């Protein structure tokens, strides 16, 4: 894996084996170098991190007002470990209305962003050596394999499958799997499961779990990461496993957050929707971690999610702004084929883009292409190696969360000019 260790390559006898081998995020490393270049005055289009620039994407004004109100009311003490009661109720009702997923308030557990509840999900089910299956490319799963001392089972996608894992792949590995994590819309590819594709995956899980139940074995659990679920392209519908197969209720943990849906990545509020019978140990773990969002943030989100019509209007406007940016990219990149290609975007803020420049610039690796794009063109992108896909294929992630339409046009002008030389 082409990732550097967090503290270098030298071993330190003070550290655990897990800490000795911990790796830093390559995505954040790339983004940090890009920020430095921009600060130095260099012209760079930051298509790197999955963040939103407040210059281009604002959180709802109602959120700001409610957060100020909570502070004015003195809501600065500890919240309950699982989250404010009114927040859990509001999120449960919203998920029931939007996704037909009814876990009740007791099945909602709030964390400081999606990462704490994601980590808690893994800790809830995985023992050392258990099979942990995940699609490739995907965000950070290969790091969580290490953190949970589990056996990684990558399900490698390709352009033909829109880089999504398939039921056929899953069926080949299902007997080894304890936890499967799926993400839709998918980071880094901006693609989504169809009802047929996700339903077929659910059928594989349900068949396996029926056999395991007869044999007294622990079931396969599905962790469904849908933090981009409110962001879909025109004509694309986000689907949830329980919508498609009600029997999946007992085997599904759903992850969501305001980081993407409200473009508030720094506000740090995510949640888990889980069968209520499994909630108690997660609440305890979140409490021990102290991984809860600030009370004013929770109060503001509670008020916001009680207003379904207001949220829908915000989501529609956000989808339109993302769509406009994607259409510019699609139009401009289409004109540069065959040196550049892409997979049709379906959701989230990402475009899977292939820069097939190996012969053009004499490159042998994605990293050489990345550096050429950065230094010669002023375009900052992330190679799919950062998401676990190791082959030198020319595939990269483009993120539109931190750029305006003019920024995209200017970046495409520079790329087009460079490719003509």
Protein backbone atom coordinates (compact mmCIF):
# COMPACT_ATOMS: atom_id res chain seq x y z
CA UNK A 1 0.00 0.00 0.00
CA UNK A 2 1.39 3.34 -1.03
CA UNK A 3 0.77 5.16 2.24
CA UNK A 4 3.29 6.53 4.70
CA UNK A 5 3.27 5.69 8.36
CA UNK A 6 1.96 8.27 10.74
CA UNK A 7 5.30 8.74 12.49
CA UNK A 8 7.80 7.43 9.96
CA UNK A 9 9.32 4.00 9.51
CA UNK A 10 11.33 3.69 12.74
CA UNK A 11 9.87 1.39 15.38
CA UNK A 12 9.38 2.69 18.90
CA UNK A 13 9.30 0.17 21.74
CA UNK A 14 6.90 2.41 23.67
CA UNK A 15 4.13 1.86 21.10
CA UNK A 16 1.70 -0.99 20.58
CA UNK A 17 1.92 -3.05 17.41
CA UNK A 18 -1.26 -1.40 16.17
CA UNK A 19 0.23 2.07 16.66
CA UNK A 20 3.55 1.03 15.13
CA UNK A 21 1.79 0.17 11.89
CA UNK A 22 -0.80 2.93 11.78
CA UNK A 23 -0.91 4.85 8.52
CA UNK A 24 -1.90 8.43 7.90
CA UNK A 25 -4.51 9.37 5.33
CA UNK A 26 -3.02 9.88 1.89
CA UNK A 27 -6.03 12.00 0.93
CA UNK A 28 -5.36 14.47 3.75
CA UNK A 29 -1.65 14.49 2.94
CA UNK A 30 -2.35 15.47 -0.68
CA UNK A 31 -4.89 18.07 0.40
CA UNK A 32 -2.40 19.61 2.83
CA UNK A 33 0.21 20.06 0.12
CA UNK A 34 -2.40 21.64 -2.15
CA UNK A 35 -3.45 24.12 0.55
CA UNK A 36 0.19 25.10 0.95
CA UNK A 37 0.54 25.77 -2.78
CA UNK A 38 -2.60 27.90 -2.81
CA UNK A 39 -1.34 29.84 0.22
CA UNK A 40 1.86 30.53 -1.71
CA UNK A 41 -0.22 32.15 -4.44
CA UNK A 42 -0.10 29.35 -7.03
CA UNK A 43 -3.11 28.80 -9.28
CA UNK A 44 -4.50 25.41 -8.31
CA UNK A 45 -8.03 24.03 -8.61
CA UNK A 46 -8.56 22.05 -5.36
CA UNK A 47 -10.47 19.01 -6.64
CA UNK A 48 -9.04 16.99 -3.75
CA UNK A 49 -10.79 16.64 -0.37
CA UNK A 50 -14.45 15.81 0.11
CA UNK A 51 -15.01 19.15 1.79
CA UNK A 52 -17.27 22.09 1.05
CA UNK A 53 -15.98 25.62 0.78
CA UNK A 54 -18.32 28.01 2.61
CA UNK A 55 -17.62 30.45 -0.23
CA UNK A 56 -19.60 28.19 -2.56
CA UNK A 57 -21.82 26.06 -0.31
CA UNK A 58 -23.46 27.53 2.79
CA UNK A 59 -25.11 25.66 5.65
CA UNK A 60 -28.84 26.44 6.04
CA UNK A 61 -29.45 29.85 7.57
CA UNK A 62 -31.96 28.28 9.94
CA UNK A 63 -29.18 26.11 11.35
CA UNK A 64 -27.09 29.18 12.14
CA UNK A 65 -30.03 30.86 13.85
CA UNK A 66 -30.89 27.79 15.93
CA UNK A 67 -27.27 27.26 17.00
CA UNK A 68 -27.03 30.90 18.15
CA UNK A 69 -30.32 30.51 19.99
CA UNK A 70 -29.06 27.42 21.83
CA UNK A 71 -25.93 29.29 22.91
CA UNK A 72 -27.98 32.29 24.02
CA UNK A 73 -30.06 29.91 26.12
CA UNK A 74 -26.91 28.62 27.83
CA UNK A 75 -26.93 25.14 26.33
CA UNK A 76 -23.24 24.52 26.99
CA UNK A 77 -23.31 21.52 29.34
CA UNK A 78 -22.84 17.81 28.55
CA UNK A 79 -25.45 16.27 26.26
CA UNK A 80 -26.59 12.65 26.85
CA UNK A 81 -24.12 10.11 25.43
CA UNK A 82 -26.58 8.92 22.77
CA UNK A 83 -27.67 12.45 21.82
CA UNK A 84 -30.41 14.86 22.82
CA UNK A 85 -33.81 13.19 23.00
CA UNK A 86 -35.39 15.71 20.63
CA UNK A 87 -32.58 15.18 18.11
CA UNK A 88 -32.91 11.39 18.17
CA UNK A 89 -36.66 11.68 17.71
CA UNK A 90 -36.32 14.13 14.81
CA UNK A 91 -33.74 11.99 13.02
CA UNK A 92 -35.78 8.81 13.53
CA UNK A 93 -38.91 10.42 12.10
CA UNK A 94 -37.00 11.86 9.15
CA UNK A 95 -35.41 8.50 8.27
CA UNK A 96 -38.76 6.76 8.56
CA UNK A 97 -40.35 9.27 6.21
CA UNK A 98 -37.48 9.36 3.70
CA UNK A 99 -36.12 5.79 3.69
CA UNK A 100 -38.90 3.69 5.27
CA UNK A 101 -36.44 2.80 8.03
CA UNK A 102 -38.13 2.84 11.43
CA UNK A 103 -35.70 2.29 14.31
CA UNK A 104 -37.43 4.75 16.64
CA UNK A 105 -35.58 7.30 18.74
CA UNK A 106 -33.96 4.54 20.78
CA UNK A 107 -32.29 3.21 17.61
CA UNK A 108 -30.58 6.54 16.82
CA UNK A 109 -27.13 7.12 18.34
CA UNK A 110 -25.37 10.41 17.68
CA UNK A 111 -21.63 10.97 17.30
CA UNK A 112 -19.22 13.78 16.54
CA UNK A 113 -19.38 13.13 12.81
CA UNK A 114 -19.91 9.79 11.09
CA UNK A 115 -16.47 8.43 12.00
CA UNK A 116 -17.08 7.65 15.70
CA UNK A 117 -20.31 5.79 14.96
CA UNK A 118 -18.62 4.04 12.04
CA UNK A 119 -15.80 2.87 14.30
CA UNK A 120 -18.34 1.88 16.97
CA UNK A 121 -20.18 -0.20 14.36
CA UNK A 122 -17.06 -2.20 13.61
CA UNK A 123 -16.28 -2.68 17.30
CA UNK A 124 -19.82 -3.88 17.89
CA UNK A 125 -19.44 -6.91 15.61
CA UNK A 126 -15.81 -7.65 14.76
CA UNK A 127 -13.54 -9.97 16.71
CA UNK A 128 -9.82 -10.21 15.85
CA UNK A 129 -9.43 -12.18 12.65
CA UNK A 130 -13.05 -11.81 11.52
CA UNK A 131 -13.73 -11.24 7.84
CA UNK A 132 -14.33 -7.59 6.97
CA UNK A 133 -15.51 -7.10 3.38
CA UNK A 134 -15.55 -3.80 1.54
CA UNK A 135 -15.63 -2.48 -1.97
CA UNK A 136 -12.53 -1.12 -3.69
CA UNK A 137 -12.13 1.74 -4.34
CA UNK A 138 -13.74 3.15 -1.20
CA UNK A 139 -12.98 5.59 1.58
CA UNK A 140 -10.67 4.46 4.41
CA UNK A 141 -11.90 0.88 4.80
CA UNK A 142 -8.40 -0.54 4.45
CA UNK A 143 -7.37 1.55 7.46
CA UNK A 144 -10.26 0.22 9.53
CA UNK A 145 -9.20 -3.35 8.75
CA UNK A 146 -5.96 -2.60 10.58
CA UNK A 147 -7.62 -0.75 13.47
CA UNK A 148 -9.94 -3.71 14.11
CA UNK A 149 -7.31 -6.44 13.64
CA UNK A 150 -9.66 -8.05 11.13
CA UNK A 151 -9.14 -9.97 7.90
CA UNK A 152 -9.67 -7.64 4.97
CA UNK A 153 -11.75 -9.00 2.10
CA UNK A 154 -11.61 -6.42 -0.73
CA UNK A 155 -14.25 -6.66 -3.45
CA UNK A 156 -12.51 -4.90 -6.32
CA UNK A 157 -14.67 -2.98 -8.77
CA UNK A 158 -13.99 -1.68 -12.25
CA UNK A 159 -15.37 0.87 -14.66
CA UNK A 160 -17.86 -1.65 -16.04
CA UNK A 161 -19.44 -2.08 -12.58
CA UNK A 162 -19.17 1.68 -11.96
CA UNK A 163 -16.56 0.62 -9.36
CA UNK A 164 -19.32 -0.83 -7.15
CA UNK A 165 -19.04 -4.32 -5.61
CA UNK A 166 -21.49 -6.85 -7.05
CA UNK A 167 -23.66 -9.63 -5.66
CA UNK A 168 -21.62 -12.15 -7.69
CA UNK A 169 -18.40 -11.00 -6.00
CA UNK A 170 -20.03 -11.10 -2.60
CA UNK A 171 -21.40 -14.60 -3.11
CA UNK A 172 -17.90 -15.96 -3.73
CA UNK A 173 -16.66 -14.63 -0.37
CA UNK A 174 -19.80 -14.66 1.77
CA UNK A 175 -18.81 -17.65 3.94
CA UNK A 176 -15.72 -15.74 5.17
CA UNK A 177 -17.54 -12.48 5.97
CA UNK A 178 -18.71 -11.20 9.34
CA UNK A 179 -19.14 -7.53 8.38
CA UNK A 180 -19.78 -5.99 4.97
CA UNK A 181 -19.66 -2.23 4.51
CA UNK A 182 -21.27 -0.56 1.51
CA UNK A 183 -21.29 3.13 0.62
CA UNK A 184 -23.83 4.71 -1.74
CA UNK A 185 -23.43 7.22 -3.30
CA UNK A 186 -19.88 5.97 -3.30
CA UNK A 187 -16.84 7.97 -2.27
CA UNK A 188 -14.65 8.25 -4.41
CA UNK A 189 -16.59 7.37 -7.55
CA UNK A 190 -19.86 9.30 -7.34
CA UNK A 191 -21.84 6.20 -8.35
CA UNK A 192 -24.92 4.62 -6.72
CA UNK A 193 -26.43 1.18 -6.33
CA UNK A 194 -29.60 0.58 -8.28
CA UNK A 195 -32.51 -1.18 -6.56
CA UNK A 196 -31.73 -4.32 -8.56
CA UNK A 197 -28.03 -4.30 -7.64
CA UNK A 198 -28.55 -3.63 -3.93
CA UNK A 199 -31.47 -6.04 -3.73
CA UNK A 200 -29.31 -8.83 -5.16
CA UNK A 201 -26.63 -8.12 -2.52
CA UNK A 202 -29.29 -8.26 0.21
CA UNK A 203 -30.48 -11.62 -1.11
CA UNK A 204 -26.97 -13.07 -0.79
CA UNK A 205 -26.75 -11.85 2.82
CA UNK A 206 -30.21 -13.14 3.74
CA UNK A 207 -29.54 -16.57 2.24
CA UNK A 208 -26.23 -16.85 4.08
CA UNK A 209 -27.75 -15.71 7.36
CA UNK A 210 -30.55 -18.26 7.11
CA UNK A 211 -27.94 -21.01 6.83
CA UNK A 212 -25.88 -19.56 9.69
CA UNK A 213 -28.95 -19.35 11.90
CA UNK A 214 -29.55 -23.07 11.39
CA UNK A 215 -25.91 -23.77 12.27
CA UNK A 216 -25.83 -21.45 15.31
CA UNK A 217 -23.29 -19.08 13.73
CA UNK A 218 -23.14 -15.30 13.96
CA UNK A 219 -24.75 -13.55 10.98
CA UNK A 220 -23.29 -11.30 8.31
CA UNK A 221 -23.92 -7.68 9.33
CA UNK A 222 -24.26 -4.90 6.78
CA UNK A 223 -23.00 -1.41 7.58
CA UNK A 224 -24.62 0.94 5.08
CA UNK A 225 -22.85 4.27 4.77
CA UNK A 226 -25.22 6.76 3.15
CA UNK A 227 -23.74 10.10 4.15
CA UNK A 228 -24.20 11.33 0.57
CA UNK A 229 -27.74 9.95 0.23
CA UNK A 230 -29.44 13.33 -0.17
CA UNK A 231 -27.17 14.20 -3.11
CA UNK A 232 -28.27 12.47 -6.30
CA UNK A 233 -28.12 13.40 -9.96
CA UNK A 234 -31.35 14.01 -11.91
CA UNK A 235 -33.19 10.73 -12.49
CA UNK A 236 -31.18 8.81 -9.87
CA UNK A 237 -32.91 7.50 -6.73
CA UNK A 238 -31.04 6.54 -3.59
CA UNK A 239 -32.15 3.16 -2.25
CA UNK A 240 -31.83 1.65 1.23
CA UNK A 241 -31.51 -2.09 1.98
CA UNK A 242 -34.54 -2.17 4.29
CA UNK A 243 -36.67 -0.45 1.66
CA UNK A 244 -35.86 -3.30 -0.70
CA UNK A 245 -35.86 -6.24 1.71
CA UNK A 246 -37.63 -5.73 5.05
CA UNK A 247 -35.84 -8.83 6.40
CA UNK A 248 -32.59 -6.82 6.32
CA UNK A 249 -33.74 -4.72 9.30
CA UNK A 250 -32.09 -7.00 11.88
CA UNK A 251 -28.80 -7.13 9.96
CA UNK A 252 -28.34 -3.49 8.90
CA UNK A 253 -26.62 -0.55 10.58
CA UNK A 254 -27.10 2.75 8.74
CA UNK A 255 -24.65 5.65 8.95
CA UNK A 256 -25.52 9.25 8.10
CA UNK A 257 -24.29 12.75 8.92
CA UNK A 258 -24.81 16.46 8.32
CA UNK A 259 -21.20 16.76 7.12
CA UNK A 260 -22.28 16.29 3.52
CA UNK A 261 -26.05 16.74 3.47
CA UNK A 262 -25.83 20.19 5.11
CA UNK A 263 -22.33 20.95 3.73
CA UNK A 264 -21.17 21.29 7.34
CA UNK A 265 -18.04 19.14 7.44
CA UNK A 266 -16.60 21.06 10.38
CA UNK A 267 -19.76 20.90 12.46
CA UNK A 268 -19.15 17.23 13.30
CA UNK A 269 -22.52 15.57 13.77
CA UNK A 270 -23.28 12.10 12.49
CA UNK A 271 -25.52 9.28 13.61
CA UNK A 272 -26.14 5.56 13.50
CA UNK A 273 -29.55 4.00 12.90
CA UNK A 274 -29.49 0.53 14.42
CA UNK A 275 -31.99 -2.09 15.59
CA UNK A 276 -32.84 -0.81 19.10
CA UNK A 277 -31.94 -4.14 20.70
CA UNK A 278 -28.29 -3.54 19.71
CA UNK A 279 -28.05 0.08 20.84
CA UNK A 280 -26.92 -0.22 24.49
CA UNK A 281 -23.26 -1.23 23.93
CA UNK A 282 -22.85 1.46 21.26
CA UNK A 283 -24.17 4.13 23.61
CA UNK A 284 -21.69 2.92 26.24
CA UNK A 285 -18.78 3.03 23.78
CA UNK A 286 -19.64 6.51 22.51
CA UNK A 287 -19.88 7.63 26.13
CA UNK A 288 -16.46 6.19 26.98
CA UNK A 289 -14.99 7.89 23.90
CA UNK A 290 -16.69 11.19 24.71
CA UNK A 291 -17.47 11.33 20.99
CA UNK A 292 -20.62 13.43 21.09
CA UNK A 293 -21.26 16.69 19.25
CA UNK A 294 -21.60 19.97 21.13
CA UNK A 295 -25.06 20.51 22.59
CA UNK A 296 -25.80 23.70 20.54
CA UNK A 297 -25.03 21.79 17.33
CA UNK A 298 -27.37 18.99 18.39
CA UNK A 299 -30.14 21.43 19.29
CA UNK A 300 -29.84 23.18 15.93
CA UNK A 301 -29.92 19.94 13.95
CA UNK A 302 -32.96 18.78 15.93
CA UNK A 303 -34.88 21.89 14.95
CA UNK A 304 -33.76 21.62 11.35
CA UNK A 305 -34.74 17.97 10.89
CA UNK A 306 -38.20 18.58 12.29
CA UNK A 307 -38.87 20.71 9.19
CA UNK A 308 -39.01 18.12 6.39
CA UNK A 309 -40.21 20.56 3.74
CA UNK A 310 -37.47 23.05 4.57
CA UNK A 311 -34.84 20.31 4.36
CA UNK A 312 -36.14 19.08 1.02
CA UNK A 313 -35.92 22.60 -0.40
CA UNK A 314 -32.32 22.91 0.81
CA UNK A 315 -31.39 19.50 -0.62
CA UNK A 316 -32.96 20.33 -3.98
CA UNK A 317 -31.00 23.58 -4.24
CA UNK A 318 -27.78 21.80 -3.26
CA UNK A 319 -28.36 19.07 -5.84
CA UNK A 320 -28.83 21.70 -8.52
CA UNK A 321 -25.58 23.49 -7.66
CA UNK A 322 -23.67 20.20 -7.71
CA UNK A 323 -25.35 19.24 -10.99
CA UNK A 324 -24.28 22.50 -12.66
CA UNK A 325 -20.65 21.83 -11.74
CA UNK A 326 -20.83 18.23 -12.92
CA UNK A 327 -22.31 19.29 -16.24
CA UNK A 328 -19.41 21.67 -16.84
CA UNK A 329 -16.92 18.90 -16.08
CA UNK A 330 -18.72 16.39 -18.29
CA UNK A 331 -18.93 18.81 -21.21
CA UNK A 332 -15.33 19.89 -21.03
CA UNK A 333 -13.84 16.45 -20.34
CA UNK A 334 -15.88 14.90 -23.16
CA UNK A 335 -14.10 17.22 -25.55
CA UNK A 336 -10.73 15.81 -24.43
CA UNK A 337 -11.44 12.14 -25.13
CA UNK A 338 -9.70 9.71 -25.49
CA UNK A 339 -6.94 11.18 -23.30
CA UNK A 340 -9.52 11.84 -20.59
CA UNK A 341 -12.65 9.85 -19.75
CA UNK A 342 -15.13 9.55 -16.88
CA UNK A 343 -17.91 7.43 -15.40
CA UNK A 344 -21.34 9.09 -15.46
CA UNK A 345 -21.86 10.76 -12.05
CA UNK A 346 -24.90 9.61 -10.09
CA UNK A 347 -24.54 11.14 -6.62
CA UNK A 348 -22.34 12.82 -4.07
CA UNK A 349 -19.78 15.42 -5.14
CA UNK A 350 -17.34 13.18 -7.01
CA UNK A 351 -16.51 12.31 -10.58
CA UNK A 352 -14.48 9.20 -11.46
CA UNK A 353 -12.07 10.48 -14.07
CA UNK A 354 -9.46 8.62 -16.07
CA UNK A 355 -6.44 10.61 -17.15
CA UNK A 356 -4.98 8.21 -19.70
CA UNK A 357 -1.76 10.19 -20.02
CA UNK A 358 0.87 7.47 -19.68
CA UNK A 359 2.06 7.76 -23.28
CA UNK A 360 1.30 11.47 -23.56
CA UNK A 361 3.63 12.55 -20.74
CA UNK A 362 5.79 9.42 -20.48
CA UNK A 363 4.35 8.43 -17.11
CA UNK A 364 4.36 4.95 -15.60
CA UNK A 365 2.33 5.58 -12.47
CA UNK A 366 -0.75 7.43 -11.29
CA UNK A 367 1.47 9.43 -8.97
CA UNK A 368 3.48 10.78 -11.90
CA UNK A 369 0.24 11.79 -13.62
CA UNK A 370 -1.02 13.41 -10.41
CA UNK A 371 2.14 15.47 -10.05
CA UNK A 372 2.05 16.51 -13.72
CA UNK A 373 -1.57 17.65 -13.37
CA UNK A 374 -0.70 19.54 -10.19
CA UNK A 375 2.54 21.19 -11.23
CA UNK A 376 2.00 21.71 -14.96
CA UNK A 377 -1.76 22.30 -15.13
CA UNK A 378 -2.72 23.49 -11.65
CA UNK A 379 -5.29 20.71 -11.11
CA UNK A 380 -5.25 18.82 -7.81
CA UNK A 381 -6.88 15.38 -7.84
CA UNK A 382 -6.63 12.18 -5.77
CA UNK A 383 -5.55 8.85 -7.33
CA UNK A 384 -7.66 5.77 -6.68
CA UNK A 385 -4.69 4.24 -4.85
CA UNK A 386 -5.70 6.45 -1.91
CA UNK A 387 -8.93 4.45 -1.87
CA UNK A 388 -7.34 1.01 -2.03
CA UNK A 389 -7.25 0.42 -5.81
CA UNK A 390 -3.58 -0.29 -6.35
CA UNK A 391 -3.35 -0.75 -10.12
CA UNK A 392 -1.77 2.00 -12.21
CA UNK A 393 -4.92 2.63 -14.21
CA UNK A 394 -5.08 6.41 -14.55
CA UNK A 395 -8.27 6.65 -12.46
CA UNK A 396 -8.64 9.65 -10.13
CA UNK A 397 -11.30 11.31 -7.99
CA UNK A 398 -12.43 14.83 -8.78
CA UNK A 399 -14.37 16.60 -6.01
CA UNK A 400 -16.46 19.70 -6.72
CA UNK A 401 -17.17 20.77 -3.13
CA UNK A 402 -14.51 23.47 -2.91
CA UNK A 403 -14.73 25.05 -6.37
CA UNK A 404 -17.02 27.42 -8.22
CA UNK A 405 -18.14 27.14 -11.83
CA UNK A 406 -15.55 29.71 -12.96
CA UNK A 407 -12.81 27.73 -11.18
CA UNK A 408 -13.82 24.60 -13.10
CA UNK A 409 -13.90 26.36 -16.46
CA UNK A 410 -10.46 27.90 -15.85
CA UNK A 411 -9.02 24.54 -14.78
CA UNK A 412 -10.43 22.85 -17.89
CA UNK A 413 -8.98 25.61 -20.08
CA UNK A 414 -5.54 24.92 -18.61
CA UNK A 415 -5.93 21.17 -19.05
CA UNK A 416 -7.12 21.47 -22.62
CA UNK A 417 -4.19 23.72 -23.50
CA UNK A 418 -1.68 21.39 -21.85
CA UNK A 419 -3.02 18.34 -23.67
CA UNK A 420 -2.66 20.09 -27.05
CA UNK A 421 1.11 20.52 -26.60
